N, C-alpha and C. Protein backbone atom coordinates (compact mmCIF):
# COMPACT_ATOMS: atom_id res chain seq x y z
N MET A 1 0.84 -1.16 0.00
CA MET A 1 0.00 0.00 0.00
C MET A 1 0.89 1.23 0.00
N SER A 2 0.53 2.23 -0.79
CA SER A 2 1.27 3.48 -0.84
C SER A 2 0.41 4.61 -0.28
N ILE A 3 1.05 5.49 0.48
CA ILE A 3 0.36 6.65 1.03
C ILE A 3 1.09 7.89 0.51
N ASN A 4 0.35 8.75 -0.17
CA ASN A 4 0.91 9.98 -0.72
C ASN A 4 0.56 11.15 0.18
N LYS A 5 1.56 11.94 0.50
CA LYS A 5 1.34 13.16 1.29
C LYS A 5 2.30 14.22 0.76
N GLY A 6 1.73 15.21 0.09
CA GLY A 6 2.57 16.22 -0.53
C GLY A 6 3.43 15.60 -1.61
N ASN A 7 4.74 15.83 -1.54
CA ASN A 7 5.67 15.26 -2.52
C ASN A 7 6.24 13.92 -2.07
N ALA A 8 5.87 13.47 -0.89
CA ALA A 8 6.45 12.23 -0.34
C ALA A 8 5.46 11.07 -0.48
N THR A 9 6.00 9.90 -0.75
CA THR A 9 5.21 8.67 -0.81
C THR A 9 5.85 7.66 0.13
N THR A 10 5.05 7.06 1.00
CA THR A 10 5.55 6.00 1.86
C THR A 10 4.84 4.71 1.51
N HIS A 11 5.52 3.61 1.67
CA HIS A 11 4.98 2.29 1.34
C HIS A 11 4.85 1.47 2.62
N HIS A 12 3.71 0.81 2.75
CA HIS A 12 3.44 0.01 3.94
C HIS A 12 2.90 -1.35 3.51
N ARG A 13 3.39 -2.38 4.15
CA ARG A 13 2.87 -3.73 3.90
C ARG A 13 1.61 -3.88 4.73
N ALA A 14 0.54 -4.35 4.12
CA ALA A 14 -0.74 -4.50 4.81
C ALA A 14 -1.33 -5.87 4.51
N TYR A 15 -2.13 -6.37 5.42
CA TYR A 15 -2.75 -7.68 5.29
C TYR A 15 -4.22 -7.59 5.66
N MET A 16 -5.01 -8.47 5.06
CA MET A 16 -6.40 -8.64 5.45
C MET A 16 -6.55 -10.07 5.93
N MET A 17 -7.23 -10.26 7.03
CA MET A 17 -7.40 -11.62 7.56
C MET A 17 -8.62 -11.69 8.45
N ASP A 18 -9.09 -12.89 8.65
CA ASP A 18 -10.13 -13.15 9.64
C ASP A 18 -9.46 -13.36 10.98
N LEU A 19 -10.05 -12.81 12.01
CA LEU A 19 -9.47 -12.87 13.35
C LEU A 19 -10.58 -13.15 14.34
N ILE A 20 -10.36 -14.09 15.21
CA ILE A 20 -11.33 -14.41 16.26
C ILE A 20 -10.74 -13.93 17.58
N LEU A 21 -11.45 -13.03 18.23
CA LEU A 21 -11.01 -12.52 19.53
C LEU A 21 -11.88 -13.13 20.62
N GLU A 22 -11.23 -13.63 21.65
CA GLU A 22 -11.92 -14.16 22.81
C GLU A 22 -11.36 -13.47 24.04
N GLY A 23 -12.21 -13.15 24.98
CA GLY A 23 -11.72 -12.53 26.20
C GLY A 23 -12.76 -11.61 26.80
N ASP A 24 -12.28 -10.74 27.65
CA ASP A 24 -13.13 -9.78 28.34
C ASP A 24 -13.79 -8.85 27.32
N LEU A 25 -15.09 -8.68 27.41
CA LEU A 25 -15.84 -7.87 26.45
C LEU A 25 -15.35 -6.43 26.40
N ASP A 26 -14.96 -5.86 27.54
CA ASP A 26 -14.44 -4.49 27.56
C ASP A 26 -13.16 -4.37 26.74
N LEU A 27 -12.27 -5.35 26.82
CA LEU A 27 -11.03 -5.32 26.06
C LEU A 27 -11.29 -5.49 24.56
N ILE A 28 -12.24 -6.35 24.21
CA ILE A 28 -12.59 -6.54 22.80
C ILE A 28 -13.19 -5.26 22.23
N GLU A 29 -14.05 -4.60 22.98
CA GLU A 29 -14.61 -3.32 22.54
C GLU A 29 -13.52 -2.26 22.39
N PHE A 30 -12.55 -2.26 23.28
CA PHE A 30 -11.43 -1.33 23.19
C PHE A 30 -10.63 -1.57 21.91
N ALA A 31 -10.35 -2.84 21.60
CA ALA A 31 -9.63 -3.17 20.37
C ALA A 31 -10.42 -2.75 19.15
N TYR A 32 -11.73 -2.91 19.18
CA TYR A 32 -12.58 -2.48 18.07
C TYR A 32 -12.52 -0.96 17.90
N ASP A 33 -12.53 -0.23 19.00
CA ASP A 33 -12.55 1.24 18.94
C ASP A 33 -11.24 1.82 18.43
N ILE A 34 -10.10 1.26 18.86
CA ILE A 34 -8.82 1.87 18.49
C ILE A 34 -8.10 1.16 17.36
N GLY A 35 -8.48 -0.06 17.04
CA GLY A 35 -7.79 -0.82 16.01
C GLY A 35 -6.71 -1.68 16.64
N ILE A 36 -6.18 -2.58 15.83
CA ILE A 36 -5.18 -3.54 16.32
C ILE A 36 -3.90 -3.37 15.52
N GLY A 37 -2.77 -3.21 16.20
CA GLY A 37 -1.49 -3.11 15.52
C GLY A 37 -0.77 -1.81 15.83
N GLU A 38 0.46 -1.72 15.29
CA GLU A 38 1.30 -0.58 15.62
C GLU A 38 1.00 0.66 14.79
N LYS A 39 0.33 0.53 13.67
CA LYS A 39 0.07 1.69 12.80
C LYS A 39 -1.42 2.05 12.78
N ASN A 40 -2.12 1.77 13.87
CA ASN A 40 -3.56 2.06 13.91
C ASN A 40 -3.84 3.56 13.86
N SER A 41 -2.90 4.41 14.24
CA SER A 41 -3.12 5.85 14.15
C SER A 41 -3.13 6.33 12.71
N MET A 42 -2.62 5.51 11.79
CA MET A 42 -2.63 5.84 10.37
C MET A 42 -3.82 5.22 9.65
N GLY A 43 -4.69 4.56 10.39
CA GLY A 43 -5.85 3.94 9.78
C GLY A 43 -5.70 2.45 9.53
N PHE A 44 -4.54 1.91 9.84
CA PHE A 44 -4.35 0.47 9.72
C PHE A 44 -4.91 -0.19 10.98
N GLY A 45 -5.19 -1.46 10.93
CA GLY A 45 -5.67 -2.18 12.10
C GLY A 45 -7.16 -2.03 12.34
N MET A 46 -7.88 -1.54 11.34
CA MET A 46 -9.33 -1.40 11.50
C MET A 46 -9.96 -2.78 11.61
N VAL A 47 -11.02 -2.88 12.39
CA VAL A 47 -11.69 -4.14 12.65
C VAL A 47 -13.14 -4.04 12.15
N LYS A 48 -13.57 -5.07 11.47
CA LYS A 48 -14.96 -5.14 11.01
C LYS A 48 -15.61 -6.34 11.67
N LEU A 49 -16.75 -6.13 12.29
CA LEU A 49 -17.46 -7.19 12.98
C LEU A 49 -18.22 -8.05 11.97
N LEU A 50 -17.96 -9.35 12.00
CA LEU A 50 -18.70 -10.31 11.17
C LEU A 50 -19.57 -11.13 12.09
N GLU A 51 -20.82 -11.26 11.73
CA GLU A 51 -21.74 -12.04 12.59
C GLU A 51 -22.14 -13.31 11.91
């Protein structure tokens, strides 16, 4: 994935996968709210709920 900002372009490796989370409901909701991973502030690590 490439991200363009001004004259600079950065490249990031990204993955899509199914993930099953088990544990305390408050912690799972927290992970859903902030995302999972080190680059979640850039929009990576987003979580989509599948039912």
